[in-house]
C-alpha atoms as a PDB file:
ATOM      1  CA  MET A   1     -29.556 -22.444  59.297  1.00  0.00           C
ATOM      2  CA  LYS A   2     -26.251 -20.605  59.405  1.00  0.00           C
ATOM      3  CA  SER A   3     -24.833 -22.808  56.660  1.00  0.00           C
ATOM      4  CA  LYS A   4     -27.810 -22.031  54.391  1.00  0.00           C
ATOM      5  CA  ILE A   5     -27.306 -18.316  54.953  1.00  0.00           C
ATOM      6  CA  LEU A   6     -23.577 -18.639  54.243  1.00  0.00           C
ATOM      7  CA  ILE A   7     -24.283 -20.604  51.063  1.00  0.00           C
ATOM      8  CA  ARG A   8     -26.767 -17.931  49.906  1.00  0.00           C
ATOM      9  CA  LEU A   9     -24.294 -15.145  50.639  1.00  0.00           C
ATOM     10  CA  ASN A  10     -21.559 -16.991  48.781  1.00  0.00           C
ATOM     11  CA  LEU A  11     -23.864 -17.521  45.794  1.00  0.00           C
ATOM     12  CA  LEU A  12     -24.813 -13.830  45.766  1.00  0.00           C
ATOM     13  CA  TYR A  13     -21.154 -12.872  46.021  1.00  0.00           C
ATOM     14  CA  MET A  14     -20.209 -15.246  43.180  1.00  0.00           C
ATOM     15  CA  ARG A  15     -23.090 -13.968  41.041  1.00  0.00           C
ATOM     16  CA  ASN A  16     -21.928 -10.369  41.521  1.00  0.00           C
ATOM     17  CA  ILE A  17     -18.360 -11.306  40.572  1.00  0.00           C
ATOM     18  CA  VAL A  18     -19.592 -13.066  37.419  1.00  0.00           C
ATOM     19  CA  ILE A  19     -21.690 -10.017  36.453  1.00  0.00           C
ATOM     20  CA  ILE A  20     -18.704  -7.686  36.949  1.00  0.00           C
ATOM     21  CA  VAL A  21     -16.398  -9.955  34.905  1.00  0.00           C
ATOM     22  CA  VAL A  22     -18.961 -10.162  32.079  1.00  0.00           C
ATOM     23  CA  MET A  23     -19.365  -6.370  32.067  1.00  0.00           C
ATOM     24  CA  ILE A  24     -15.597  -5.815  31.937  1.00  0.00           C
ATOM     25  CA  PHE A  25     -15.196  -8.380  29.149  1.00  0.00           C
ATOM     26  CA  SER A  26     -18.080  -6.837  27.151  1.00  0.00           C
ATOM     27  CA  PHE A  27     -16.667  -3.319  27.470  1.00  0.00           C
ATOM     28  CA  ASN A  28     -13.173  -4.487  26.502  1.00  0.00           C
ATOM     29  CA  THR A  29     -14.485  -6.382  23.465  1.00  0.00           C
ATOM     30  CA  TYR A  30     -16.529  -3.358  22.339  1.00  0.00           C
ATOM     31  CA  SER A  31     -13.620  -0.944  22.697  1.00  0.00           C
ATOM     32  CA  GLN A  32     -11.286  -3.274  20.780  1.00  0.00           C
ATOM     33  CA  SER A  33     -13.760  -3.678  17.910  1.00  0.00           C
ATOM     34  CA  ALA A  34     -14.229   0.094  17.698  1.00  0.00           C
ATOM     35  CA  ASP A  35     -10.459   0.591  17.496  1.00  0.00           C
ATOM     36  CA  THR A  36     -10.025  -2.018  14.763  1.00  0.00           C
ATOM     37  CA  ASP A  37     -12.688  -0.762  12.359  1.00  0.00           C
ATOM     38  CA  CYS A  38     -10.585   0.585   9.533  1.00  0.00           C
ATOM     39  CA  SER A  39     -12.971  -0.431   6.757  1.00  0.00           C
ATOM     40  CA  SER A  40     -13.233   3.162   5.518  1.00  0.00           C
ATOM     41  CA  LEU A  41      -9.551   2.886   4.466  1.00  0.00           C
ATOM     42  CA  ASN A  42     -10.319   0.322   1.747  1.00  0.00           C
ATOM     43  CA  TYR A  43     -11.819   2.568  -0.952  1.00  0.00           C
ATOM     44  CA  GLY A  44     -11.763   6.245  -1.809  1.00  0.00           C
ATOM     45  CA  THR A  45      -9.546   9.313  -1.980  1.00  0.00           C
ATOM     46  CA  PHE A  46      -7.325  10.310   0.942  1.00  0.00           C
ATOM     47  CA  ASP A  47      -4.963  13.127   1.886  1.00  0.00           C
ATOM     48  CA  ILE A  48      -1.592  12.102   3.312  1.00  0.00           C
ATOM     49  CA  LEU A  49      -0.422  14.386   6.108  1.00  0.00           C
ATOM     50  CA  GLU A  50       2.973  14.616   7.758  1.00  0.00           C
ATOM     51  CA  LYS A  51       3.232  16.836  10.821  1.00  0.00           C
ATOM     52  CA  GLY A  52      -0.201  18.234   9.951  1.00  0.00           C
ATOM     53  CA  VAL A  53       0.826  19.304   6.424  1.00  0.00           C
ATOM     54  CA  LYS A  54      -0.610  17.714   3.262  1.00  0.00           C
ATOM     55  CA  VAL A  55       2.168  15.947   1.331  1.00  0.00           C
ATOM     56  CA  GLY A  56       0.150  13.876  -1.116  1.00  0.00           C
ATOM     57  CA  VAL A  57      -3.041  12.159  -2.193  1.00  0.00           C
ATOM     58  CA  VAL A  58      -3.866   8.447  -2.180  1.00  0.00           C
ATOM     59  CA  TYR A  59      -6.499   6.674  -4.279  1.00  0.00           C
ATOM     60  CA  ARG A  60      -7.529   3.172  -3.102  1.00  0.00           C
ATOM     61  CA  LYS A  61      -9.500   0.475  -4.876  1.00  0.00           C
ATOM     62  CA  ASP A  62      -9.403  -3.356  -4.884  1.00  0.00           C
ATOM     63  CA  ASN A  63      -6.282  -3.683  -2.677  1.00  0.00           C
ATOM     64  CA  ILE A  64      -4.417  -1.250  -4.931  1.00  0.00           C
ATOM     65  CA  GLN A  65      -3.300   2.222  -3.948  1.00  0.00           C
ATOM     66  CA  ILE A  66      -2.081   4.967  -6.274  1.00  0.00           C
ATOM     67  CA  GLU A  67       0.046   7.606  -4.559  1.00  0.00           C
ATOM     68  CA  LYS A  68       0.584  11.124  -5.885  1.00  0.00           C
ATOM     69  CA  TYR A  69       2.997  13.207  -3.831  1.00  0.00           C
ATOM     70  CA  LEU A  70       3.009  16.987  -4.186  1.00  0.00           C
ATOM     71  CA  ASN A  71       6.804  17.244  -4.611  1.00  0.00           C
ATOM     72  CA  ILE A  72       7.257  14.326  -7.092  1.00  0.00           C
ATOM     73  CA  ASP A  73       5.942  13.972 -10.655  1.00  0.00           C
ATOM     74  CA  LYS A  74       5.838  10.139 -10.610  1.00  0.00           C
ATOM     75  CA  LEU A  75       2.880   8.113  -9.473  1.00  0.00           C
ATOM     76  CA  THR A  76       3.415   4.995  -7.406  1.00  0.00           C
ATOM     77  CA  TYR A  77       1.209   1.903  -7.388  1.00  0.00           C
ATOM     78  CA  VAL A  78       1.073   0.029  -4.121  1.00  0.00           C
ATOM     79  CA  LEU A  79      -0.291  -3.469  -3.590  1.00  0.00           C
ATOM     80  CA  LEU A  80      -2.129  -3.625  -0.268  1.00  0.00           C
ATOM     81  CA  ARG A  81      -2.689  -6.593   1.983  1.00  0.00           C
ATOM     82  CA  PRO A  82      -5.094  -5.320   4.651  1.00  0.00           C
ATOM     83  CA  ASN A  83      -5.833  -7.141   7.887  1.00  0.00           C
ATOM     84  CA  LYS A  84      -8.152  -4.995   9.999  1.00  0.00           C
ATOM     85  CA  CYS A  85      -6.010  -1.918  10.787  1.00  0.00           C
ATOM     86  CA  ASN A  86      -2.713  -3.508   9.745  1.00  0.00           C
ATOM     87  CA  PHE A  87      -1.669  -3.248   6.109  1.00  0.00           C
ATOM     88  CA  GLN A  88       1.315  -4.603   4.228  1.00  0.00           C
ATOM     89  CA  PHE A  89       2.439  -2.372   1.347  1.00  0.00           C
ATOM     90  CA  ASN A  90       4.470  -3.480  -1.676  1.00  0.00           C
ATOM     91  CA  ALA A  91       5.152  -0.543  -3.997  1.00  0.00           C
ATOM     92  CA  TYR A  92       5.670  -0.625  -7.759  1.00  0.00           C
ATOM     93  CA  TYR A  93       6.469   2.398  -9.927  1.00  0.00           C
ATOM     94  CA  ILE A  94       3.893   3.028 -12.611  1.00  0.00           C
ATOM     95  CA  LYS A  95       6.017   2.396 -15.756  1.00  0.00           C
ATOM     96  CA  LYS A  96       8.376  -0.188 -14.243  1.00  0.00           C
ATOM     97  CA  LYS A  97       7.574  -3.223 -12.169  1.00  0.00           C
ATOM     98  CA  LEU A  98      10.330  -2.247  -9.773  1.00  0.00           C
ATOM     99  CA  ASP A  99       9.652  -3.693  -6.366  1.00  0.00           C
ATOM    100  CA  THR A 100      10.559  -1.245  -3.660  1.00  0.00           C
ATOM    101  CA  ILE A 101      10.583  -1.627   0.111  1.00  0.00           C
ATOM    102  CA  SER A 102       7.744  -3.610   1.684  1.00  0.00           C
ATOM    103  CA  TRP A 103       6.151  -1.886   4.648  1.00  0.00           C
ATOM    104  CA  ASP A 104       4.078  -2.925   7.626  1.00  0.00           C
ATOM    105  CA  VAL A 105       1.651  -0.106   8.335  1.00  0.00           C
ATOM    106  CA  ARG A 106      -0.469   0.140  11.486  1.00  0.00           C
ATOM    107  CA  TYR A 107      -3.423   2.528  11.481  1.00  0.00           C
ATOM    108  CA  SER A 108      -5.229   3.852  14.519  1.00  0.00           C
ATOM    109  CA  LYS A 109      -8.392   5.920  14.325  1.00  0.00           C
ATOM    110  CA  ILE A 110      -8.229   9.568  15.378  1.00  0.00           C
ATOM    111  CA  GLU A 111     -11.847  10.231  14.411  1.00  0.00           C
ATOM    112  CA  SER A 112     -14.230   9.159  11.671  1.00  0.00           C
ATOM    113  CA  ASP A 113     -12.271   8.670   8.389  1.00  0.00           C
ATOM    114  CA  HIS A 114      -9.114  10.160   9.943  1.00  0.00           C
ATOM    115  CA  TYR A 115      -6.273   7.873  11.033  1.00  0.00           C
ATOM    116  CA  LYS A 116      -2.694   8.124  12.161  1.00  0.00           C
ATOM    117  CA  TYR A 117      -0.204   5.575  10.873  1.00  0.00           C
ATOM    118  CA  ILE A 118       3.146   4.121  11.790  1.00  0.00           C
ATOM    119  CA  ALA A 119       5.033   2.357   8.981  1.00  0.00           C
ATOM    120  CA  LYS A 120       8.121   0.183   9.366  1.00  0.00           C
ATOM    121  CA  PRO A 121      10.150  -1.616   6.691  1.00  0.00           C
ATOM    122  CA  LYS A 122       9.122  -5.281   6.665  1.00  0.00           C
ATOM    123  CA  TYR A 123      12.231  -7.098   5.454  1.00  0.00           C
ATOM    124  CA  LEU A 124      15.003  -4.586   6.107  1.00  0.00           C
ATOM    125  CA  LYS A 125      16.796  -4.382   9.404  1.00  0.00           C
ATOM    126  CA  SER A 126      16.267  -0.692   9.866  1.00  0.00           C
ATOM    127  CA  GLU A 127      15.355   1.618  12.711  1.00  0.00           C
ATOM    128  CA  TYR A 128      13.468   3.901  10.283  1.00  0.00           C
ATOM    129  CA  ILE A 129       9.814   4.571  11.124  1.00  0.00           C
ATOM    130  CA  ALA A 130       7.475   6.682   8.973  1.00  0.00           C
ATOM    131  CA  GLU A 131       4.660   8.413  10.831  1.00  0.00           C
ATOM    132  CA  GLY A 132       1.815  10.551   9.638  1.00  0.00           C
ATOM    133  CA  GLU A 133      -1.903  10.731   9.088  1.00  0.00           C
ATOM    134  CA  ILE A 134      -4.320   9.756   6.366  1.00  0.00           C
ATOM    135  CA  LYS A 135      -7.699  11.458   6.039  1.00  0.00           C
ATOM    136  CA  LYS A 136     -10.491  10.360   3.733  1.00  0.00           C
ATOM    137  CA  ILE A 137     -11.652  13.265   1.607  1.00  0.00           C
ATOM    138  CA  SER A 138     -14.024  11.376  -0.695  1.00  0.00           C
ATOM    139  CA  ASN A 139     -15.776   8.026  -1.045  1.00  0.00           C
ATOM    140  CA  SER A 140     -15.240   8.289  -4.808  1.00  0.00           C
ATOM    141  CA  ILE A 141     -12.204   8.300  -7.088  1.00  0.00           C
ATOM    142  CA  ASN A 142     -11.463  10.748  -9.916  1.00  0.00           C
ATOM    143  CA  LYS A 143     -12.214   9.213 -13.369  1.00  0.00           C
ATOM    144  CA  GLU A 144      -8.609   9.799 -14.492  1.00  0.00           C
ATOM    145  CA  TYR A 145      -7.331   7.624 -11.642  1.00  0.00           C
ATOM    146  CA  LEU A 146     -10.011   4.967 -12.171  1.00  0.00           C
ATOM    147  CA  LYS A 147      -8.543   4.505 -15.681  1.00  0.00           C
ATOM    148  CA  LEU A 148      -5.098   4.028 -14.125  1.00  0.00           C
ATOM    149  CA  PHE A 149      -6.450   1.224 -11.929  1.00  0.00           C
ATOM    150  CA  LYS A 150      -7.746  -0.541 -15.049  1.00  0.00           C
ATOM    151  CA  GLU A 151      -4.357  -0.113 -16.755  1.00  0.00           C
ATOM    152  CA  PHE A 152      -2.561  -1.573 -13.756  1.00  0.00           C
ATOM    153  CA  PHE A 153      -4.625  -4.766 -13.936  1.00  0.00           C
ATOM    154  CA  LYS A 154      -3.637  -5.155 -17.610  1.00  0.00           C
ATOM    155  CA  MET A 155       0.088  -5.216 -16.710  1.00  0.00           C
END
């Protein structure tokens, strides 16, 4: 009789442990998937912020990004290779196919359509790290910039 009671208690104990482990695993999986949803970064118009100040605008479409900085007259095309919230950037200037530094960029969500980023040079041995924020301001792209995307694909 005592052995049956001990077996039942052990089974109840084991069942409770399994339930707790499943709950912890489910919560962890949910929180990781929420943190890695950066799909809103793939298309649209975004403000680039450094230290809370707008420094430029980004237009994204079809793994291409066009950057317009407030203090520079040139536009920059950037080829994007997204993988969840990690992107690899390879920049090209608009009139020259001049490859510039490749970057690994990691985004983390601050709130809906607002992310902070940390960018590091991919192939250079450098301690430099670029940090800032990107905030989606529109799900659409200005017609003038849509034409530039078409021109880029003709190159």
